[in-house]
Amino acid sequence: MINFSRLFIMKFCLLLSLSALAKETVLLTIHRKDNDKINHLYLNTNSENQLSNIYLDLPGPVKMYDASTIRTGTGIYFQRGIAIISLKSTDLDISLGGHVELSYLSEYKIVGENKYKIIPLKIFRNDQGEWGLYRNDLKVKTAKTYPYTWGIKKFILE
């Protein structure tokens, strides 16, 4: 006869061990120079160290974006319904990473199209299996943003 409580405990322990392998990595620490607030861009992985989703820690409900959403392009930070920061990739792979364009609103237009600047980046795993954000093959960890009334004046990666 099967001991269901023992079977349940074994399954529960297996699930805990698999979820323990899932990881959250800070890709980028973003420092707003106008108000000294700090936000983080996170990358979550599954138990096989594959990209699950990316999100920005903002007040309110957390909105997570998977690789397929980023491949089509998505705003990750909005104000009054306008995308301030967006991510887009043509080749983002959950196992390997890929090229990602970070675009930010540089000039809001009341009439006409808003202007955005694009920063080419890469998200990928290094030889040790650690995920990171890279620009020109150099790892970036922090960004300084200089917002103003009509957008972001500067977005400096370090």
N, C-alpha and C. Protein backbone atom coordinates (compact mmCIF):
# COMPACT_ATOMS: atom_id res chain seq x y z
N MET A 1 0.84 -1.19 0.00
CA MET A 1 0.00 0.00 0.00
C MET A 1 0.89 1.26 0.00
N ILE A 2 0.48 2.25 -0.77
CA ILE A 2 1.24 3.48 -0.93
C ILE A 2 0.98 4.41 0.25
N ASN A 3 2.04 4.94 0.80
CA ASN A 3 1.93 5.92 1.88
C ASN A 3 1.85 7.30 1.22
N PHE A 4 0.61 7.83 1.14
CA PHE A 4 0.39 9.09 0.42
C PHE A 4 1.07 10.29 1.09
N SER A 5 1.14 10.29 2.40
CA SER A 5 1.79 11.42 3.06
C SER A 5 3.30 11.43 2.74
N ARG A 6 3.91 10.27 2.68
CA ARG A 6 5.34 10.19 2.34
C ARG A 6 5.55 10.62 0.88
N LEU A 7 4.67 10.19 -0.01
CA LEU A 7 4.75 10.57 -1.42
C LEU A 7 4.59 12.08 -1.57
N PHE A 8 3.65 12.66 -0.83
CA PHE A 8 3.43 14.10 -0.87
C PHE A 8 4.67 14.85 -0.40
N ILE A 9 5.27 14.41 0.68
CA ILE A 9 6.47 15.05 1.22
C ILE A 9 7.61 14.97 0.22
N MET A 10 7.77 13.83 -0.45
CA MET A 10 8.84 13.69 -1.43
C MET A 10 8.63 14.64 -2.61
N LYS A 11 7.38 14.73 -3.09
CA LYS A 11 7.09 15.65 -4.19
C LYS A 11 7.32 17.10 -3.78
N PHE A 12 6.91 17.42 -2.56
CA PHE A 12 7.08 18.78 -2.06
C PHE A 12 8.56 19.14 -1.97
N CYS A 13 9.39 18.23 -1.46
CA CYS A 13 10.83 18.47 -1.36
C CYS A 13 11.46 18.61 -2.74
N LEU A 14 11.00 17.84 -3.71
CA LEU A 14 11.51 17.94 -5.08
C LEU A 14 11.18 19.31 -5.66
N LEU A 15 9.94 19.77 -5.47
CA LEU A 15 9.55 21.09 -5.97
C LEU A 15 10.37 22.19 -5.30
N LEU A 16 10.61 22.07 -4.01
CA LEU A 16 11.42 23.07 -3.32
C LEU A 16 12.84 23.10 -3.86
N SER A 17 13.40 21.94 -4.11
CA SER A 17 14.78 21.92 -4.62
C SER A 17 14.85 22.49 -6.02
N LEU A 18 13.85 22.26 -6.86
CA LEU A 18 13.85 22.83 -8.21
C LEU A 18 13.66 24.34 -8.17
N SER A 19 12.76 24.82 -7.30
CA SER A 19 12.55 26.26 -7.22
C SER A 19 13.76 26.96 -6.62
N ALA A 20 14.52 26.23 -5.81
CA ALA A 20 15.72 26.83 -5.24
C ALA A 20 16.77 27.08 -6.31
N LEU A 21 16.71 26.36 -7.40
CA LEU A 21 17.67 26.55 -8.47
C LEU A 21 17.32 27.76 -9.34
N ALA A 22 16.05 28.17 -9.33
CA ALA A 22 15.65 29.36 -10.07
C ALA A 22 16.32 30.56 -9.39
N LYS A 23 16.67 31.56 -10.18
CA LYS A 23 17.49 32.66 -9.64
C LYS A 23 17.02 34.00 -10.17
N GLU A 24 17.24 35.01 -9.35
CA GLU A 24 16.95 36.39 -9.74
C GLU A 24 18.27 37.15 -9.76
N THR A 25 18.57 37.80 -10.89
CA THR A 25 19.83 38.53 -11.06
C THR A 25 19.53 39.99 -11.36
N VAL A 26 20.25 40.87 -10.71
CA VAL A 26 20.13 42.30 -11.04
C VAL A 26 20.97 42.55 -12.29
N LEU A 27 20.31 42.90 -13.38
CA LEU A 27 21.02 43.24 -14.61
C LEU A 27 21.56 44.66 -14.56
N LEU A 28 20.75 45.56 -14.00
CA LEU A 28 21.12 46.97 -14.04
C LEU A 28 20.53 47.70 -12.84
N THR A 29 21.35 48.50 -12.18
CA THR A 29 20.87 49.39 -11.12
C THR A 29 20.76 50.78 -11.74
N ILE A 30 19.55 51.33 -11.70
CA ILE A 30 19.27 52.61 -12.36
C ILE A 30 19.09 53.70 -11.29
N HIS A 31 19.94 54.72 -11.37
CA HIS A 31 19.91 55.82 -10.41
C HIS A 31 19.37 57.06 -11.10
N ARG A 32 18.20 57.51 -10.63
CA ARG A 32 17.61 58.74 -11.17
C ARG A 32 18.26 59.93 -10.49
N LYS A 33 18.88 60.79 -11.27
CA LYS A 33 19.62 61.92 -10.71
C LYS A 33 18.71 63.08 -10.29
N ASP A 34 17.45 63.09 -10.74
CA ASP A 34 16.56 64.19 -10.37
C ASP A 34 16.00 64.02 -8.96
N ASN A 35 15.82 62.77 -8.50
CA ASN A 35 15.23 62.56 -7.18
C ASN A 35 15.98 61.52 -6.34
N ASP A 36 17.11 61.04 -6.85
CA ASP A 36 17.96 60.06 -6.16
C ASP A 36 17.28 58.71 -5.90
N LYS A 37 16.20 58.43 -6.60
CA LYS A 37 15.58 57.11 -6.47
C LYS A 37 16.40 56.07 -7.24
N ILE A 38 16.38 54.86 -6.73
CA ILE A 38 17.11 53.77 -7.37
C ILE A 38 16.12 52.65 -7.69
N ASN A 39 16.20 52.18 -8.93
CA ASN A 39 15.42 51.03 -9.38
C ASN A 39 16.36 49.99 -9.95
N HIS A 40 15.86 48.78 -10.08
CA HIS A 40 16.68 47.69 -10.62
C HIS A 40 15.95 46.99 -11.76
N LEU A 41 16.72 46.62 -12.76
CA LEU A 41 16.23 45.79 -13.85
C LEU A 41 16.68 44.37 -13.51
N TYR A 42 15.71 43.47 -13.33
CA TYR A 42 15.99 42.10 -12.91
C TYR A 42 15.80 41.12 -14.05
N LEU A 43 16.56 40.05 -14.00
CA LEU A 43 16.39 38.91 -14.91
C LEU A 43 16.16 37.68 -14.03
N ASN A 44 15.05 37.00 -14.26
CA ASN A 44 14.74 35.76 -13.55
C ASN A 44 15.03 34.58 -14.45
N THR A 45 15.59 33.52 -13.86
CA THR A 45 15.84 32.29 -14.59
C THR A 45 15.06 31.15 -13.98
N ASN A 46 14.88 30.09 -14.77
CA ASN A 46 14.22 28.89 -14.27
C ASN A 46 15.26 27.94 -13.68
N SER A 47 14.83 26.74 -13.35
CA SER A 47 15.73 25.77 -12.72
C SER A 47 16.85 25.30 -13.65
N GLU A 48 16.71 25.55 -14.96
CA GLU A 48 17.75 25.17 -15.92
C GLU A 48 18.62 26.38 -16.32
N ASN A 49 18.53 27.45 -15.53
CA ASN A 49 19.26 28.70 -15.77
C ASN A 49 18.93 29.33 -17.12
N GLN A 50 17.68 29.14 -17.56
CA GLN A 50 17.19 29.78 -18.78
C GLN A 50 16.40 31.02 -18.40
N LEU A 51 16.47 32.03 -19.25
CA LEU A 51 15.75 33.28 -19.00
C LEU A 51 14.25 33.01 -18.90
N SER A 52 13.66 33.38 -17.78
CA SER A 52 12.20 33.27 -17.62
C SER A 52 11.53 34.60 -17.94
N ASN A 53 12.02 35.67 -17.31
CA ASN A 53 11.45 36.99 -17.55
C ASN A 53 12.39 38.08 -17.05
N ILE A 54 12.06 39.29 -17.46
CA ILE A 54 12.79 40.49 -17.06
C ILE A 54 11.76 41.47 -16.53
N TYR A 55 12.13 42.19 -15.47
CA TYR A 55 11.20 43.21 -14.97
C TYR A 55 11.97 44.34 -14.29
N LEU A 56 11.29 45.47 -14.20
CA LEU A 56 11.81 46.66 -13.55
C LEU A 56 11.04 46.83 -12.26
N ASP A 57 11.74 47.00 -11.13
CA ASP A 57 11.05 47.12 -9.83
C ASP A 57 10.51 48.54 -9.64
N LEU A 58 9.28 48.71 -9.99
CA LEU A 58 8.60 50.00 -9.87
C LEU A 58 7.49 49.87 -8.83
N PRO A 59 7.04 51.00 -8.27
CA PRO A 59 5.89 50.92 -7.36
C PRO A 59 4.67 50.33 -8.08
N GLY A 60 3.85 49.61 -7.35
CA GLY A 60 2.66 49.02 -7.93
C GLY A 60 2.89 47.58 -8.33
N PRO A 61 1.94 47.01 -9.05
CA PRO A 61 2.07 45.61 -9.46
C PRO A 61 3.27 45.39 -10.38
N VAL A 62 3.98 44.30 -10.15
CA VAL A 62 5.16 43.97 -10.96
C VAL A 62 4.69 43.43 -12.30
N LYS A 63 5.25 43.98 -13.38
CA LYS A 63 4.95 43.50 -14.72
C LYS A 63 6.20 42.82 -15.27
N MET A 64 6.06 41.53 -15.58
CA MET A 64 7.19 40.75 -16.07
C MET A 64 7.07 40.52 -17.56
N TYR A 65 8.24 40.51 -18.24
CA TYR A 65 8.27 40.39 -19.69
C TYR A 65 9.15 39.21 -20.07
N ASP A 66 8.58 38.25 -20.80
CA ASP A 66 9.35 37.08 -21.22
C ASP A 66 10.07 37.39 -22.53
N ALA A 67 10.89 36.43 -22.99
CA ALA A 67 11.72 36.65 -24.18
C ALA A 67 10.88 36.96 -25.42
N SER A 68 9.75 36.27 -25.58
CA SER A 68 8.94 36.50 -26.79
C SER A 68 8.35 37.92 -26.78
N THR A 69 7.99 38.42 -25.62
CA THR A 69 7.47 39.80 -25.53
C THR A 69 8.57 40.80 -25.86
N ILE A 70 9.77 40.55 -25.38
CA ILE A 70 10.89 41.46 -25.66
C ILE A 70 11.27 41.40 -27.13
N ARG A 71 11.15 40.22 -27.74
CA ARG A 71 11.47 40.11 -29.18
C ARG A 71 10.53 40.97 -30.02
N THR A 72 9.30 41.15 -29.59
CA THR A 72 8.37 42.00 -30.35
C THR A 72 8.49 43.47 -29.95
N GLY A 73 9.17 43.73 -28.83
CA GLY A 73 9.34 45.09 -28.34
C GLY A 73 8.28 45.44 -27.31
N THR A 74 8.71 45.96 -26.18
CA THR A 74 7.76 46.30 -25.13
C THR A 74 8.28 47.44 -24.27
N GLY A 75 7.37 48.31 -23.89
CA GLY A 75 7.70 49.34 -22.92
C GLY A 75 7.81 48.71 -21.54
N ILE A 76 8.80 49.10 -20.76
CA ILE A 76 8.92 48.57 -19.41
C ILE A 76 8.72 49.65 -18.35
N TYR A 77 8.71 50.92 -18.77
CA TYR A 77 8.44 52.02 -17.86
C TYR A 77 7.60 53.05 -18.60
N PHE A 78 6.44 53.36 -18.03
CA PHE A 78 5.49 54.27 -18.65
C PHE A 78 5.18 55.42 -17.70
N GLN A 79 4.85 56.56 -18.26
CA GLN A 79 4.27 57.66 -17.52
C GLN A 79 3.16 58.24 -18.36
N ARG A 80 1.99 58.31 -17.75
CA ARG A 80 0.79 58.82 -18.43
C ARG A 80 0.55 58.13 -19.76
N GLY A 81 0.80 56.82 -19.78
CA GLY A 81 0.53 56.02 -20.98
C GLY A 81 1.60 56.10 -22.06
N ILE A 82 2.67 56.82 -21.82
CA ILE A 82 3.74 56.97 -22.81
C ILE A 82 4.94 56.14 -22.37
N ALA A 83 5.46 55.33 -23.30
CA ALA A 83 6.63 54.51 -22.99
C ALA A 83 7.84 55.41 -22.80
N ILE A 84 8.45 55.33 -21.63
CA ILE A 84 9.65 56.12 -21.34
C ILE A 84 10.89 55.26 -21.61
N ILE A 85 10.85 53.99 -21.20
CA ILE A 85 11.94 53.04 -21.45
C ILE A 85 11.34 51.78 -22.06
N SER A 86 11.96 51.29 -23.14
CA SER A 86 11.49 50.09 -23.83
C SER A 86 12.66 49.16 -24.12
N LEU A 87 12.33 47.88 -24.29
CA LEU A 87 13.30 46.86 -24.69
C LEU A 87 12.81 46.17 -25.95
N LYS A 88 13.73 45.88 -26.87
CA LYS A 88 13.39 45.14 -28.08
C LYS A 88 14.59 44.33 -28.53
N SER A 89 14.32 43.11 -28.99
CA SER A 89 15.39 42.23 -29.48
C SER A 89 14.89 41.47 -30.69
N THR A 90 15.80 41.18 -31.58
CA THR A 90 15.44 40.35 -32.74
C THR A 90 15.89 38.90 -32.55
N ASP A 91 16.78 38.67 -31.57
CA ASP A 91 17.35 37.32 -31.44
C ASP A 91 17.47 36.82 -30.01
N LEU A 92 16.70 37.37 -29.08
CA LEU A 92 16.82 36.98 -27.68
C LEU A 92 16.38 35.52 -27.50
N ASP A 93 17.30 34.71 -26.99
CA ASP A 93 17.08 33.29 -26.78
C ASP A 93 17.11 33.01 -25.28
N ILE A 94 16.23 32.14 -24.79
CA ILE A 94 16.15 31.91 -23.34
C ILE A 94 17.38 31.19 -22.79
N SER A 95 18.13 30.50 -23.63
CA SER A 95 19.32 29.80 -23.17
C SER A 95 20.61 30.59 -23.41
N LEU A 96 20.65 31.33 -24.50
CA LEU A 96 21.89 32.00 -24.89
C LEU A 96 21.88 33.51 -24.67
N GLY A 97 20.71 34.11 -24.61
CA GLY A 97 20.61 35.56 -24.55
C GLY A 97 20.54 36.14 -25.95
N GLY A 98 21.00 37.37 -26.13
CA GLY A 98 20.97 37.98 -27.45
C GLY A 98 21.14 39.49 -27.38
N HIS A 99 21.00 40.12 -28.53
CA HIS A 99 21.10 41.57 -28.65
C HIS A 99 19.78 42.20 -28.22
N VAL A 100 19.88 43.30 -27.50
CA VAL A 100 18.69 44.01 -27.02
C VAL A 100 18.91 45.49 -27.22
N GLU A 101 17.90 46.16 -27.72
CA GLU A 101 17.94 47.62 -27.84
C GLU A 101 17.16 48.20 -26.68
N LEU A 102 17.82 49.05 -25.89
CA LEU A 102 17.14 49.80 -24.86
C LEU A 102 16.87 51.18 -25.45
N SER A 103 15.61 51.53 -25.56
CA SER A 103 15.29 52.86 -26.08
C SER A 103 14.65 53.68 -24.97
N TYR A 104 14.96 54.97 -24.98
CA TYR A 104 14.38 55.85 -23.96
C TYR A 104 13.89 57.14 -24.63
N LEU A 105 12.84 57.68 -24.05
CA LEU A 105 12.24 58.90 -24.56
C LEU A 105 13.20 60.07 -24.33
N SER A 106 13.68 60.65 -25.40
CA SER A 106 14.60 61.78 -25.27
C SER A 106 13.87 63.11 -25.44
N GLU A 107 12.73 63.08 -26.16
CA GLU A 107 11.98 64.32 -26.35
C GLU A 107 10.51 64.01 -26.61
N TYR A 108 9.67 64.46 -25.69
CA TYR A 108 8.22 64.31 -25.83
C TYR A 108 7.69 65.43 -26.72
N LYS A 109 6.85 65.05 -27.67
CA LYS A 109 6.26 66.04 -28.58
C LYS A 109 4.75 66.08 -28.37
N ILE A 110 4.22 67.25 -28.14
CA ILE A 110 2.77 67.39 -28.04
C ILE A 110 2.14 67.14 -29.40
N VAL A 111 2.78 67.67 -30.44
CA VAL A 111 2.33 67.45 -31.81
C VAL A 111 3.46 66.74 -32.55
N GLY A 112 3.14 65.65 -33.21
CA GLY A 112 4.17 64.90 -33.93
C GLY A 112 4.65 63.69 -33.14
N GLU A 113 5.66 63.04 -33.69
CA GLU A 113 6.17 61.82 -33.06
C GLU A 113 7.21 62.14 -32.00
N ASN A 114 7.13 61.38 -30.89
CA ASN A 114 8.14 61.51 -29.84
C ASN A 114 9.49 61.04 -30.38
N LYS A 115 10.56 61.56 -29.79
CA LYS A 115 11.90 61.13 -30.19
C LYS A 115 12.48 60.20 -29.14
N TYR A 116 13.07 59.12 -29.61
CA TYR A 116 13.69 58.13 -28.73
C TYR A 116 15.15 57.95 -29.13
N LYS A 117 15.99 57.70 -28.14
CA LYS A 117 17.38 57.33 -28.39
C LYS A 117 17.52 55.85 -28.08
N ILE A 118 18.38 55.17 -28.82
CA ILE A 118 18.55 53.73 -28.68
C ILE A 118 19.97 53.41 -28.22
N ILE A 119 20.06 52.54 -27.23
CA ILE A 119 21.35 52.05 -26.74
C ILE A 119 21.42 50.56 -27.06
N PRO A 120 22.36 50.14 -27.92
CA PRO A 120 22.50 48.72 -28.24
C PRO A 120 23.20 47.98 -27.10
N LEU A 121 22.59 46.88 -26.67
CA LEU A 121 23.11 46.08 -25.56
C LEU A 121 23.05 44.60 -25.91
N LYS A 122 23.66 43.79 -25.05
CA LYS A 122 23.55 42.33 -25.14
C LYS A 122 23.22 41.79 -23.77
N ILE A 123 22.35 40.81 -23.74
CA ILE A 123 22.09 40.04 -22.52
C ILE A 123 22.58 38.64 -22.82
N PHE A 124 23.54 38.16 -22.04
CA PHE A 124 23.96 36.78 -22.25
C PHE A 124 24.64 36.21 -21.01
N ARG A 125 24.82 34.89 -21.04
CA ARG A 125 25.49 34.18 -19.94
C ARG A 125 26.98 34.07 -20.24
N ASN A 126 27.79 34.27 -19.22
CA ASN A 126 29.22 34.09 -19.40
C ASN A 126 29.59 32.61 -19.24
N ASP A 127 30.86 32.29 -19.27
CA ASP A 127 31.31 30.90 -19.19
C ASP A 127 30.96 30.24 -17.86
N GLN A 128 30.76 31.04 -16.82
CA GLN A 128 30.37 30.50 -15.52
C GLN A 128 28.86 30.35 -15.38
N GLY A 129 28.12 30.69 -16.43
CA GLY A 129 26.66 30.56 -16.41
C GLY A 129 25.95 31.75 -15.79
N GLU A 130 26.66 32.84 -15.52
CA GLU A 130 26.06 34.02 -14.92
C GLU A 130 25.53 34.95 -16.01
N TRP A 131 24.30 35.40 -15.84
CA TRP A 131 23.69 36.32 -16.79
C TRP A 131 24.19 37.74 -16.52
N GLY A 132 24.30 38.54 -17.58
CA GLY A 132 24.72 39.92 -17.42
C GLY A 132 24.28 40.77 -18.59
N LEU A 133 24.44 42.06 -18.43
CA LEU A 133 24.10 43.05 -19.44
C LEU A 133 25.40 43.66 -19.94
N TYR A 134 25.57 43.72 -21.26
CA TYR A 134 26.84 44.16 -21.85
C TYR A 134 26.60 45.23 -22.91
N ARG A 135 27.57 46.15 -22.96
CA ARG A 135 27.59 47.15 -24.03
C ARG A 135 29.00 47.17 -24.58
N ASN A 136 29.12 47.01 -25.89
CA ASN A 136 30.44 46.94 -26.54
C ASN A 136 31.32 45.88 -25.86
N ASP A 137 30.74 44.75 -25.54
CA ASP A 137 31.42 43.62 -24.90
C ASP A 137 31.95 43.90 -23.51
N LEU A 138 31.54 44.99 -22.89
CA LEU A 138 31.90 45.30 -21.51
C LEU A 138 30.65 45.20 -20.64
N LYS A 139 30.78 44.54 -19.50
CA LYS A 139 29.63 44.38 -18.61
C LYS A 139 29.26 45.73 -18.00
N VAL A 140 27.98 46.05 -18.02
CA VAL A 140 27.47 47.26 -17.37
C VAL A 140 26.62 46.84 -16.19
N LYS A 141 26.73 47.60 -15.11
CA LYS A 141 25.99 47.26 -13.90
C LYS A 141 25.09 48.39 -13.43
N THR A 142 25.47 49.63 -13.79
CA THR A 142 24.70 50.78 -13.31
C THR A 142 24.39 51.74 -14.45
N ALA A 143 23.33 52.49 -14.23
CA ALA A 143 22.94 53.55 -15.16
C ALA A 143 22.57 54.78 -14.36
N LYS A 144 22.92 55.93 -14.90
CA LYS A 144 22.48 57.20 -14.33
C LYS A 144 21.55 57.83 -15.34
N THR A 145 20.37 58.20 -14.89
CA THR A 145 19.43 58.86 -15.78
C THR A 145 19.22 60.30 -15.32
N TYR A 146 19.07 61.17 -16.28
CA TYR A 146 18.85 62.58 -16.02
C TYR A 146 17.53 62.99 -16.66
N PRO A 147 16.41 62.71 -15.97
CA PRO A 147 15.09 63.07 -16.53
C PRO A 147 14.87 64.58 -16.50
N TYR A 148 14.04 65.01 -17.41
CA TYR A 148 13.57 66.39 -17.41
C TYR A 148 12.12 66.36 -17.86
N THR A 149 11.48 67.50 -17.91
CA THR A 149 10.04 67.57 -18.18
C THR A 149 9.61 66.83 -19.44
N TRP A 150 10.43 66.84 -20.48
CA TRP A 150 10.02 66.29 -21.76
C TRP A 150 10.69 64.96 -22.11
N GLY A 151 11.30 64.30 -21.15
CA GLY A 151 11.92 63.00 -21.42
C GLY A 151 13.13 62.75 -20.54
N ILE A 152 14.09 62.03 -21.07
CA ILE A 152 15.33 61.76 -20.36
C ILE A 152 16.47 62.46 -21.15
N LYS A 153 17.14 63.38 -20.48
CA LYS A 153 18.20 64.14 -21.12
C LYS A 153 19.42 63.24 -21.40
N LYS A 154 19.80 62.44 -20.40
CA LYS A 154 20.95 61.55 -20.54
C LYS A 154 20.63 60.21 -19.89
N PHE A 155 21.16 59.15 -20.48
CA PHE A 155 21.06 57.78 -19.94
C PHE A 155 22.47 57.21 -20.05
N ILE A 156 23.22 57.26 -18.95
CA ILE A 156 24.65 56.91 -18.95
C ILE A 156 24.83 55.54 -18.32
N LEU A 157 25.43 54.62 -19.07
CA LEU A 157 25.71 53.28 -18.57
C LEU A 157 27.14 53.18 -18.07
N GLU A 158 27.33 52.50 -16.96
CA GLU A 158 28.68 52.32 -16.39
C GLU A 158 28.91 50.87 -16.07
